[in-house]
């Protein structure tokens, strides 16, 4: 059952990365977010970082066996967390109007 849940979550996180890549490439944003997102390219980069952070955490925890290192586990957790924070920050910035323009 663990692999079914992990596979489903990995597909959803990969979907985030794909939606972000589409937003960066074409400027297309999901319909329920079109009103709020002012800069779709920045939003796409944020979504890709957030999805990559989720995938890093899930990928390392999936292969966490008896010979794994606690240092690598902590490094993967912190790396994924920092990627998600950076992605969320970019998404937040993409919903605000530019002040210098």
PDB file of N, CA and C in Angstrom:
ATOM      1  N   UNK A   1       0.817  -1.194   0.000  1.00  0.00           N
ATOM      2  CA  UNK A   1       0.000   0.000   0.000  1.00  0.00           C
ATOM      3  C   UNK A   1       0.860   1.257   0.000  1.00  0.00           C
ATOM      4  N   UNK A   2       2.025   1.174   0.621  1.00  0.00           N
ATOM      5  CA  UNK A   2       2.923   2.324   0.681  1.00  0.00           C
ATOM      6  C   UNK A   2       3.319   2.788  -0.714  1.00  0.00           C
ATOM      7  N   UNK A   3       3.564   1.853  -1.628  1.00  0.00           N
ATOM      8  CA  UNK A   3       4.001   2.222  -2.970  1.00  0.00           C
ATOM      9  C   UNK A   3       2.871   2.851  -3.780  1.00  0.00           C
ATOM     10  N   UNK A   4       1.623   2.441  -3.504  1.00  0.00           N
ATOM     11  CA  UNK A   4       0.501   3.068  -4.204  1.00  0.00           C
ATOM     12  C   UNK A   4       0.373   4.534  -3.802  1.00  0.00           C
ATOM     13  N   UNK A   5       0.469   4.802  -2.526  1.00  0.00           N
ATOM     14  CA  UNK A   5       0.380   6.191  -2.056  1.00  0.00           C
ATOM     15  C   UNK A   5       1.556   7.023  -2.551  1.00  0.00           C
ATOM     16  N   UNK A   6       2.736   6.443  -2.512  1.00  0.00           N
ATOM     17  CA  UNK A   6       3.924   7.161  -2.962  1.00  0.00           C
ATOM     18  C   UNK A   6       3.850   7.450  -4.463  1.00  0.00           C
ATOM     19  N   UNK A   7       3.381   6.479  -5.231  1.00  0.00           N
ATOM     20  CA  UNK A   7       3.250   6.683  -6.672  1.00  0.00           C
ATOM     21  C   UNK A   7       2.229   7.758  -7.011  1.00  0.00           C
ATOM     22  N   UNK A   8       1.117   7.758  -6.295  1.00  0.00           N
ATOM     23  CA  UNK A   8       0.093   8.780  -6.524  1.00  0.00           C
ATOM     24  C   UNK A   8       0.611  10.165  -6.167  1.00  0.00           C
ATOM     25  N   UNK A   9       1.296  10.275  -5.038  1.00  0.00           N
ATOM     26  CA  UNK A   9       1.844  11.572  -4.632  1.00  0.00           C
ATOM     27  C   UNK A   9       2.930  12.032  -5.602  1.00  0.00           C
ATOM     28  N   UNK A  10       3.741  11.099  -6.099  1.00  0.00           N
ATOM     29  CA  UNK A  10       4.786  11.467  -7.061  1.00  0.00           C
ATOM     30  C   UNK A  10       4.168  11.946  -8.377  1.00  0.00           C
ATOM     31  N   UNK A  11       3.080  11.317  -8.805  1.00  0.00           N
ATOM     32  CA  UNK A  11       2.395  11.784 -10.013  1.00  0.00           C
ATOM     33  C   UNK A  11       1.822  13.186  -9.824  1.00  0.00           C
ATOM     34  N   UNK A  12       1.277  13.450  -8.653  1.00  0.00           N
ATOM     35  CA  UNK A  12       0.736  14.787  -8.389  1.00  0.00           C
ATOM     36  C   UNK A  12       1.848  15.832  -8.344  1.00  0.00           C
ATOM     37  N   UNK A  13       2.973  15.511  -7.717  1.00  0.00           N
ATOM     38  CA  UNK A  13       4.093  16.453  -7.674  1.00  0.00           C
ATOM     39  C   UNK A  13       4.678  16.658  -9.070  1.00  0.00           C
ATOM     40  N   UNK A  14       4.716  15.598  -9.867  1.00  0.00           N
ATOM     41  CA  UNK A  14       5.188  15.742 -11.247  1.00  0.00           C
ATOM     42  C   UNK A  14       4.225  16.611 -12.051  1.00  0.00           C
ATOM     43  N   UNK A  15       2.943  16.520 -11.743  1.00  0.00           N
ATOM     44  CA  UNK A  15       1.967  17.392 -12.394  1.00  0.00           C
ATOM     45  C   UNK A  15       2.213  18.858 -12.076  1.00  0.00           C
ATOM     46  N   UNK A  16       2.634  19.137 -10.843  1.00  0.00           N
ATOM     47  CA  UNK A  16       2.994  20.515 -10.486  1.00  0.00           C
ATOM     48  C   UNK A  16       4.153  21.012 -11.343  1.00  0.00           C
ATOM     49  N   UNK A  17       5.157  20.159 -11.514  1.00  0.00           N
ATOM     50  CA  UNK A  17       6.325  20.547 -12.311  1.00  0.00           C
ATOM     51  C   UNK A  17       5.925  20.778 -13.765  1.00  0.00           C
ATOM     52  N   UNK A  18       5.049  19.926 -14.294  1.00  0.00           N
ATOM     53  CA  UNK A  18       4.608  20.088 -15.683  1.00  0.00           C
ATOM     54  C   UNK A  18       3.794  21.370 -15.848  1.00  0.00           C
ATOM     55  N   UNK A  19       2.892  21.654 -14.923  1.00  0.00           N
ATOM     56  CA  UNK A  19       2.116  22.907 -14.992  1.00  0.00           C
ATOM     57  C   UNK A  19       3.027  24.127 -14.905  1.00  0.00           C
ATOM     58  N   UNK A  20       4.066  24.035 -14.093  1.00  0.00           N
ATOM     59  CA  UNK A  20       5.021  25.130 -14.002  1.00  0.00           C
ATOM     60  C   UNK A  20       5.790  25.319 -15.294  1.00  0.00           C
ATOM     61  N   UNK A  21       6.187  24.210 -15.918  1.00  0.00           N
ATOM     62  CA  UNK A  21       6.918  24.306 -17.183  1.00  0.00           C
ATOM     63  C   UNK A  21       6.038  24.897 -18.283  1.00  0.00           C
ATOM     64  N   UNK A  22       4.764  24.541 -18.284  1.00  0.00           N
ATOM     65  CA  UNK A  22       3.835  25.111 -19.269  1.00  0.00           C
ATOM     66  C   UNK A  22       3.670  26.604 -19.032  1.00  0.00           C
ATOM     67  N   UNK A  23       3.600  27.009 -17.771  1.00  0.00           N
ATOM     68  CA  UNK A  23       3.461  28.439 -17.466  1.00  0.00           C
ATOM     69  C   UNK A  23       4.703  29.219 -17.881  1.00  0.00           C
ATOM     70  N   UNK A  24       5.873  28.639 -17.695  1.00  0.00           N
ATOM     71  CA  UNK A  24       7.108  29.322 -18.095  1.00  0.00           C
ATOM     72  C   UNK A  24       7.192  29.413 -19.610  1.00  0.00           C
ATOM     73  N   UNK A  25       6.848  28.335 -20.280  1.00  0.00           N
ATOM     74  CA  UNK A  25       7.013  28.279 -21.728  1.00  0.00           C
ATOM     75  C   UNK A  25       5.964  29.097 -22.484  1.00  0.00           C
ATOM     76  N   UNK A  26       4.699  28.992 -22.069  1.00  0.00           N
ATOM     77  CA  UNK A  26       3.619  29.608 -22.849  1.00  0.00           C
ATOM     78  C   UNK A  26       2.913  30.761 -22.149  1.00  0.00           C
ATOM     79  N   UNK A  27       3.075  30.863 -20.820  1.00  0.00           N
ATOM     80  CA  UNK A  27       2.350  31.890 -20.077  1.00  0.00           C
ATOM     81  C   UNK A  27       0.958  31.457 -19.669  1.00  0.00           C
ATOM     82  N   UNK A  28       0.616  30.190 -19.888  1.00  0.00           N
ATOM     83  CA  UNK A  28      -0.696  29.678 -19.539  1.00  0.00           C
ATOM     84  C   UNK A  28      -0.734  29.320 -18.058  1.00  0.00           C
ATOM     85  N   UNK A  29      -1.782  29.755 -17.376  1.00  0.00           N
ATOM     86  CA  UNK A  29      -1.959  29.496 -15.950  1.00  0.00           C
ATOM     87  C   UNK A  29      -3.274  28.748 -15.774  1.00  0.00           C
ATOM     88  N   UNK A  30      -3.355  27.931 -14.743  1.00  0.00           N
ATOM     89  CA  UNK A  30      -4.583  27.190 -14.473  1.00  0.00           C
ATOM     90  C   UNK A  30      -5.766  28.149 -14.340  1.00  0.00           C
ATOM     91  N   UNK A  31      -6.956  27.765 -14.805  1.00  0.00           N
ATOM     92  CA  UNK A  31      -8.079  28.703 -14.873  1.00  0.00           C
ATOM     93  C   UNK A  31      -8.462  29.351 -13.546  1.00  0.00           C
ATOM     94  N   UNK A  32      -8.381  28.635 -12.445  1.00  0.00           N
ATOM     95  CA  UNK A  32      -8.806  29.219 -11.167  1.00  0.00           C
ATOM     96  C   UNK A  32      -7.755  30.141 -10.573  1.00  0.00           C
ATOM     97  N   UNK A  33      -6.600  30.277 -11.225  1.00  0.00           N
ATOM     98  CA  UNK A  33      -5.570  31.181 -10.719  1.00  0.00           C
ATOM     99  C   UNK A  33      -5.275  32.333 -11.667  1.00  0.00           C
ATOM    100  N   UNK A  34      -5.972  32.410 -12.743  1.00  0.00           N
ATOM    101  CA  UNK A  34      -5.687  33.453 -13.737  1.00  0.00           C
ATOM    102  C   UNK A  34      -5.944  34.854 -13.221  1.00  0.00           C
ATOM    103  N   UNK A  35      -6.900  35.012 -12.351  1.00  0.00           N
ATOM    104  CA  UNK A  35      -7.223  36.350 -11.842  1.00  0.00           C
ATOM    105  C   UNK A  35      -6.127  36.867 -10.915  1.00  0.00           C
ATOM    106  N   UNK A  36      -5.516  35.988 -10.139  1.00  0.00           N
ATOM    107  CA  UNK A  36      -4.531  36.418  -9.142  1.00  0.00           C
ATOM    108  C   UNK A  36      -3.113  36.532  -9.693  1.00  0.00           C
ATOM    109  N   UNK A  37      -2.735  35.666 -10.620  1.00  0.00           N
ATOM    110  CA  UNK A  37      -1.345  35.615 -11.089  1.00  0.00           C
ATOM    111  C   UNK A  37      -1.101  36.748 -12.083  1.00  0.00           C
ATOM    112  N   UNK A  38      -0.148  37.610 -11.736  1.00  0.00           N
ATOM    113  CA  UNK A  38       0.186  38.749 -12.587  1.00  0.00           C
ATOM    114  C   UNK A  38       1.349  38.400 -13.519  1.00  0.00           C
ATOM    115  N   UNK A  39       2.312  37.636 -13.017  1.00  0.00           N
ATOM    116  CA  UNK A  39       3.482  37.245 -13.803  1.00  0.00           C
ATOM    117  C   UNK A  39       3.540  35.722 -13.908  1.00  0.00           C
ATOM    118  N   UNK A  40       2.992  35.148 -14.985  1.00  0.00           N
ATOM    119  CA  UNK A  40       2.902  33.691 -15.084  1.00  0.00           C
ATOM    120  C   UNK A  40       4.251  32.985 -15.177  1.00  0.00           C
ATOM    121  N   UNK A  41       5.263  33.637 -15.746  1.00  0.00           N
ATOM    122  CA  UNK A  41       6.570  32.987 -15.852  1.00  0.00           C
ATOM    123  C   UNK A  41       7.184  32.784 -14.459  1.00  0.00           C
ATOM    124  N   UNK A  42       7.115  33.782 -13.621  1.00  0.00           N
ATOM    125  CA  UNK A  42       7.637  33.651 -12.267  1.00  0.00           C
ATOM    126  C   UNK A  42       6.830  32.627 -11.470  1.00  0.00           C
ATOM    127  N   UNK A  43       5.519  32.622 -11.680  1.00  0.00           N
ATOM    128  CA  UNK A  43       4.669  31.641 -11.012  1.00  0.00           C
ATOM    129  C   UNK A  43       5.052  30.222 -11.431  1.00  0.00           C
ATOM    130  N   UNK A  44       5.370  30.044 -12.718  1.00  0.00           N
ATOM    131  CA  UNK A  44       5.773  28.734 -13.220  1.00  0.00           C
ATOM    132  C   UNK A  44       7.078  28.254 -12.605  1.00  0.00           C
ATOM    133  N   UNK A  45       8.059  29.164 -12.486  1.00  0.00           N
ATOM    134  CA  UNK A  45       9.314  28.783 -11.836  1.00  0.00           C
ATOM    135  C   UNK A  45       9.086  28.406 -10.373  1.00  0.00           C
ATOM    136  N   UNK A  46       8.220  29.141  -9.703  1.00  0.00           N
ATOM    137  CA  UNK A  46       7.908  28.815  -8.317  1.00  0.00           C
ATOM    138  C   UNK A  46       7.232  27.467  -8.185  1.00  0.00           C
ATOM    139  N   UNK A  47       6.321  27.177  -9.098  1.00  0.00           N
ATOM    140  CA  UNK A  47       5.628  25.890  -9.071  1.00  0.00           C
ATOM    141  C   UNK A  47       6.591  24.739  -9.356  1.00  0.00           C
ATOM    142  N   UNK A  48       7.529  24.953 -10.269  1.00  0.00           N
ATOM    143  CA  UNK A  48       8.512  23.904 -10.545  1.00  0.00           C
ATOM    144  C   UNK A  48       9.421  23.662  -9.344  1.00  0.00           C
ATOM    145  N   UNK A  49       9.832  24.720  -8.673  1.00  0.00           N
ATOM    146  CA  UNK A  49      10.664  24.541  -7.478  1.00  0.00           C
ATOM    147  C   UNK A  49       9.905  23.831  -6.368  1.00  0.00           C
ATOM    148  N   UNK A  50       8.649  24.190  -6.175  1.00  0.00           N
ATOM    149  CA  UNK A  50       7.839  23.558  -5.144  1.00  0.00           C
ATOM    150  C   UNK A  50       7.654  22.067  -5.436  1.00  0.00           C
ATOM    151  N   UNK A  51       7.329  21.743  -6.680  1.00  0.00           N
ATOM    152  CA  UNK A  51       7.164  20.344  -7.063  1.00  0.00           C
ATOM    153  C   UNK A  51       8.457  19.562  -6.962  1.00  0.00           C
ATOM    154  N   UNK A  52       9.576  20.197  -7.314  1.00  0.00           N
ATOM    155  CA  UNK A  52      10.871  19.517  -7.196  1.00  0.00           C
ATOM    156  C   UNK A  52      11.218  19.249  -5.735  1.00  0.00           C
ATOM    157  N   UNK A  53      10.883  20.172  -4.857  1.00  0.00           N
ATOM    158  CA  UNK A  53      11.119  19.950  -3.431  1.00  0.00           C
ATOM    159  C   UNK A  53      10.329  18.775  -2.897  1.00  0.00           C
ATOM    160  N   UNK A  54       9.079  18.668  -3.320  1.00  0.00           N
ATOM    161  CA  UNK A  54       8.272  17.515  -2.920  1.00  0.00           C
ATOM    162  C   UNK A  54       8.859  16.210  -3.452  1.00  0.00           C
ATOM    163  N   UNK A  55       9.294  16.239  -4.704  1.00  0.00           N
ATOM    164  CA  UNK A  55       9.864  15.027  -5.297  1.00  0.00           C
ATOM    165  C   UNK A  55      11.169  14.621  -4.627  1.00  0.00           C
ATOM    166  N   UNK A  56      12.001  15.580  -4.248  1.00  0.00           N
ATOM    167  CA  UNK A  56      13.251  15.255  -3.556  1.00  0.00           C
ATOM    168  C   UNK A  56      12.956  14.570  -2.231  1.00  0.00           C
ATOM    169  N   UNK A  57      12.023  15.099  -1.482  1.00  0.00           N
ATOM    170  CA  UNK A  57      11.696  14.496  -0.185  1.00  0.00           C
ATOM    171  C   UNK A  57      11.085  13.111  -0.352  1.00  0.00           C
ATOM    172  N   UNK A  58      10.207  12.955  -1.325  1.00  0.00           N
ATOM    173  CA  UNK A  58       9.570  11.651  -1.516  1.00  0.00           C
ATOM    174  C   UNK A  58      10.548  10.623  -2.064  1.00  0.00           C
ATOM    175  N   UNK A  59      11.416  11.036  -2.965  1.00  0.00           N
ATOM    176  CA  UNK A  59      12.342  10.088  -3.575  1.00  0.00           C
ATOM    177  C   UNK A  59      13.324   9.541  -2.545  1.00  0.00           C
ATOM    178  N   UNK A  60      13.815  10.384  -1.681  1.00  0.00           N
ATOM    179  CA  UNK A  60      14.761   9.874  -0.698  1.00  0.00           C
ATOM    180  C   UNK A  60      14.063   9.030   0.365  1.00  0.00           C
ATOM    181  N   UNK A  61      12.879   9.415   0.763  1.00  0.00           N
ATOM    182  CA  UNK A  61      12.188   8.637   1.793  1.00  0.00           C
ATOM    183  C   UNK A  61      11.697   7.297   1.249  1.00  0.00           C
ATOM    184  N   UNK A  62      11.488   7.196  -0.061  1.00  0.00           N
ATOM    185  CA  UNK A  62      11.041   5.930  -0.646  1.00  0.00           C
ATOM    186  C   UNK A  62      12.127   4.868  -0.584  1.00  0.00           C
ATOM    187  N   UNK A  63      13.372   5.268  -0.723  1.00  0.00           N
ATOM    188  CA  UNK A  63      14.473   4.317  -0.739  1.00  0.00           C
ATOM    189  C   UNK A  63      15.263   4.343   0.556  1.00  0.00           C
ATOM    190  N   UNK A  64      14.610   4.701   1.628  1.00  0.00           N
ATOM    191  CA  UNK A  64      15.247   4.765   2.936  1.00  0.00           C
ATOM    192  C   UNK A  64      15.319   3.346   3.509  1.00  0.00           C
ATOM    193  N   UNK A  65      16.481   2.748   3.413  1.00  0.00           N
ATOM    194  CA  UNK A  65      16.648   1.370   3.871  1.00  0.00           C
ATOM    195  C   UNK A  65      17.509   1.287   5.116  1.00  0.00           C
ATOM    196  N   UNK A  66      17.863   0.069   5.501  1.00  0.00           N
ATOM    197  CA  UNK A  66      18.653  -0.103   6.719  1.00  0.00           C
ATOM    198  C   UNK A  66      20.069   0.458   6.619  1.00  0.00           C
ATOM    199  N   UNK A  67      20.624   0.587   5.419  1.00  0.00           N
ATOM    200  CA  UNK A  67      21.984   1.090   5.282  1.00  0.00           C
ATOM    201  C   UNK A  67      22.062   2.576   5.001  1.00  0.00           C
ATOM    202  N   UNK A  68      20.960   3.292   5.142  1.00  0.00           N
ATOM    203  CA  UNK A  68      20.965   4.714   4.801  1.00  0.00           C
ATOM    204  C   UNK A  68      21.549   5.549   5.938  1.00  0.00           C
ATOM    205  N   UNK A  69      22.089   6.673   5.566  1.00  0.00           N
ATOM    206  CA  UNK A  69      22.745   7.557   6.519  1.00  0.00           C
ATOM    207  C   UNK A  69      21.754   8.594   7.049  1.00  0.00           C
ATOM    208  N   UNK A  70      21.862   8.875   8.319  1.00  0.00           N
ATOM    209  CA  UNK A  70      20.997   9.904   8.924  1.00  0.00           C
ATOM    210  C   UNK A  70      21.370  11.293   8.395  1.00  0.00           C
ATOM    211  N   UNK A  71      22.631  11.495   8.081  1.00  0.00           N
ATOM    212  CA  UNK A  71      23.080  12.782   7.539  1.00  0.00           C
ATOM    213  C   UNK A  71      22.467  13.024   6.164  1.00  0.00           C
ATOM    214  N   UNK A  72      22.451  11.980   5.304  1.00  0.00           N
ATOM    215  CA  UNK A  72      21.842  12.135   3.987  1.00  0.00           C
ATOM    216  C   UNK A  72      20.340  12.338   4.084  1.00  0.00           C
ATOM    217  N   UNK A  73      19.722  11.669   5.042  1.00  0.00           N
ATOM    218  CA  UNK A  73      18.282  11.850   5.239  1.00  0.00           C
ATOM    219  C   UNK A  73      17.969  13.293   5.643  1.00  0.00           C
ATOM    220  N   UNK A  74      18.752  13.840   6.545  1.00  0.00           N
ATOM    221  CA  UNK A  74      18.550  15.224   6.976  1.00  0.00           C
ATOM    222  C   UNK A  74      18.842  16.198   5.841  1.00  0.00           C
ATOM    223  N   UNK A  75      19.892  15.926   5.059  1.00  0.00           N
ATOM    224  CA  UNK A  75      20.234  16.802   3.935  1.00  0.00           C
ATOM    225  C   UNK A  75      19.137  16.798   2.877  1.00  0.00           C
ATOM    226  N   UNK A  76      18.570  15.628   2.586  1.00  0.00           N
ATOM    227  CA  UNK A  76      17.481  15.559   1.606  1.00  0.00           C
ATOM    228  C   UNK A  76      16.244  16.282   2.120  1.00  0.00           C
ATOM    229  N   UNK A  77      15.959  16.144   3.404  1.00  0.00           N
ATOM    230  CA  UNK A  77      14.801  16.830   3.979  1.00  0.00           C
ATOM    231  C   UNK A  77      14.978  18.347   3.909  1.00  0.00           C
ATOM    232  N   UNK A  78      16.152  18.830   4.294  1.00  0.00           N
ATOM    233  CA  UNK A  78      16.392  20.275   4.293  1.00  0.00           C
ATOM    234  C   UNK A  78      16.416  20.824   2.870  1.00  0.00           C
ATOM    235  N   UNK A  79      17.011  20.076   1.939  1.00  0.00           N
ATOM    236  CA  UNK A  79      17.039  20.515   0.546  1.00  0.00           C
ATOM    237  C   UNK A  79      15.631  20.627  -0.020  1.00  0.00           C
ATOM    238  N   UNK A  80      14.817  19.606   0.221  1.00  0.00           N
ATOM    239  CA  UNK A  80      13.432  19.655  -0.244  1.00  0.00           C
ATOM    240  C   UNK A  80      12.658  20.791   0.391  1.00  0.00           C
ATOM    241  N   UNK A  81      12.880  21.012   1.680  1.00  0.00           N
ATOM    242  CA  UNK A  81      12.194  22.092   2.377  1.00  0.00           C
ATOM    243  C   UNK A  81      12.589  23.457   1.824  1.00  0.00           C
ATOM    244  N   UNK A  82      13.874  23.649   1.569  1.00  0.00           N
ATOM    245  CA  UNK A  82      14.332  24.931   1.009  1.00  0.00           C
ATOM    246  C   UNK A  82      13.802  25.153  -0.409  1.00  0.00           C
ATOM    247  N   UNK A  83      13.730  24.081  -1.195  1.00  0.00           N
ATOM    248  CA  UNK A  83      13.153  24.218  -2.533  1.00  0.00           C
ATOM    249  C   UNK A  83      11.683  24.607  -2.466  1.00  0.00           C
ATOM    250  N   UNK A  84      10.947  24.001  -1.534  1.00  0.00           N
ATOM    251  CA  UNK A  84       9.528  24.342  -1.398  1.00  0.00           C
ATOM    252  C   UNK A  84       9.338  25.772  -0.899  1.00  0.00           C
ATOM    253  N   UNK A  85      10.166  26.226   0.014  1.00  0.00           N
ATOM    254  CA  UNK A  85      10.059  27.602   0.512  1.00  0.00           C
ATOM    255  C   UNK A  85      10.377  28.598  -0.603  1.00  0.00           C
ATOM    256  N   UNK A  86      11.435  28.307  -1.382  1.00  0.00           N
ATOM    257  CA  UNK A  86      11.786  29.200  -2.492  1.00  0.00           C
ATOM    258  C   UNK A  86      10.670  29.234  -3.537  1.00  0.00           C
ATOM    259  N   UNK A  87      10.083  28.086  -3.827  1.00  0.00           N
ATOM    260  CA  UNK A  87       8.985  28.041  -4.780  1.00  0.00           C
ATOM    261  C   UNK A  87       7.764  28.801  -4.296  1.00  0.00           C
ATOM    262  N   UNK A  88       7.432  28.644  -3.021  1.00  0.00           N
ATOM    263  CA  UNK A  88       6.291  29.365  -2.464  1.00  0.00           C
ATOM    264  C   UNK A  88       6.544  30.870  -2.474  1.00  0.00           C
ATOM    265  N   UNK A  89       7.780  31.273  -2.218  1.00  0.00           N
ATOM    266  CA  UNK A  89       8.122  32.698  -2.237  1.00  0.00           C
ATOM    267  C   UNK A  89       7.969  33.277  -3.652  1.00  0.00           C
ATOM    268  N   UNK A  90       8.432  32.532  -4.659  1.00  0.00           N
ATOM    269  CA  UNK A  90       8.274  33.009  -6.032  1.00  0.00           C
ATOM    270  C   UNK A  90       6.797  33.074  -6.428  1.00  0.00           C
ATOM    271  N   UNK A  91       6.014  32.120  -5.974  1.00  0.00           N
ATOM    272  CA  UNK A  91       4.588  32.163  -6.275  1.00  0.00           C
ATOM    273  C   UNK A  91       3.919  33.352  -5.599  1.00  0.00           C
ATOM    274  N   UNK A  92       4.339  33.654  -4.404  1.00  0.00           N
ATOM    275  CA  UNK A  92       3.787  34.825  -3.712  1.00  0.00           C
ATOM    276  C   UNK A  92       4.156  36.110  -4.443  1.00  0.00           C
ATOM    277  N   UNK A  93       5.403  36.217  -4.872  1.00  0.00           N
ATOM    278  CA  UNK A  93       5.827  37.415  -5.595  1.00  0.00           C
ATOM    279  C   UNK A  93       5.123  37.554  -6.945  1.00  0.00           C
ATOM    280  N   UNK A  94       4.761  36.434  -7.551  1.00  0.00           N
ATOM    281  CA  UNK A  94       4.127  36.501  -8.871  1.00  0.00           C
ATOM    282  C   UNK A  94       2.686  36.982  -8.804  1.00  0.00           C
ATOM    283  N   UNK A  95       2.104  37.034  -7.616  1.00  0.00           N
ATOM    284  CA  UNK A  95       0.720  37.502  -7.495  1.00  0.00           C
ATOM    285  C   UNK A  95       0.638  38.980  -7.150  1.00  0.00           C
ATOM    286  N   UNK A  96       1.762  39.628  -6.959  1.00  0.00           N
ATOM    287  CA  UNK A  96       1.767  41.054  -6.612  1.00  0.00           C
ATOM    288  C   UNK A  96       2.096  41.894  -7.829  1.00  0.00           C
ATOM    289  N   UNK A  97       1.549  43.077  -7.854  1.00  0.00           N
ATOM    290  CA  UNK A  97       1.850  44.013  -8.935  1.00  0.00           C
ATOM    291  C   UNK A  97       3.272  44.535  -8.785  1.00  0.00           C
ATOM    292  N   UNK A  98       3.902  44.831  -9.910  1.00  0.00           N
ATOM    293  CA  UNK A  98       5.254  45.384  -9.877  1.00  0.00           C
ATOM    294  C   UNK A  98       5.204  46.821  -9.393  1.00  0.00           C
ATOM    295  N   UNK A  99       6.118  47.180  -8.534  1.00  0.00           N
ATOM    296  CA  UNK A  99       6.160  48.541  -8.007  1.00  0.00           C
ATOM    297  C   UNK A  99       7.051  49.455  -8.836  1.00  0.00           C
ATOM    298  N   UNK A 100       8.010  48.894  -9.572  1.00  0.00           N
ATOM    299  CA  UNK A 100       8.949  49.723 -10.318  1.00  0.00           C
ATOM    300  C   UNK A 100       8.450  50.062 -11.721  1.00  0.00           C
ATOM    301  N   UNK A 101       7.357  49.465 -12.156  1.00  0.00           N
ATOM    302  CA  UNK A 101       6.884  49.725 -13.518  1.00  0.00           C
ATOM    303  C   UNK A 101       5.754  50.730 -13.547  1.00  0.00           C
TER     304      UNK A 101
END
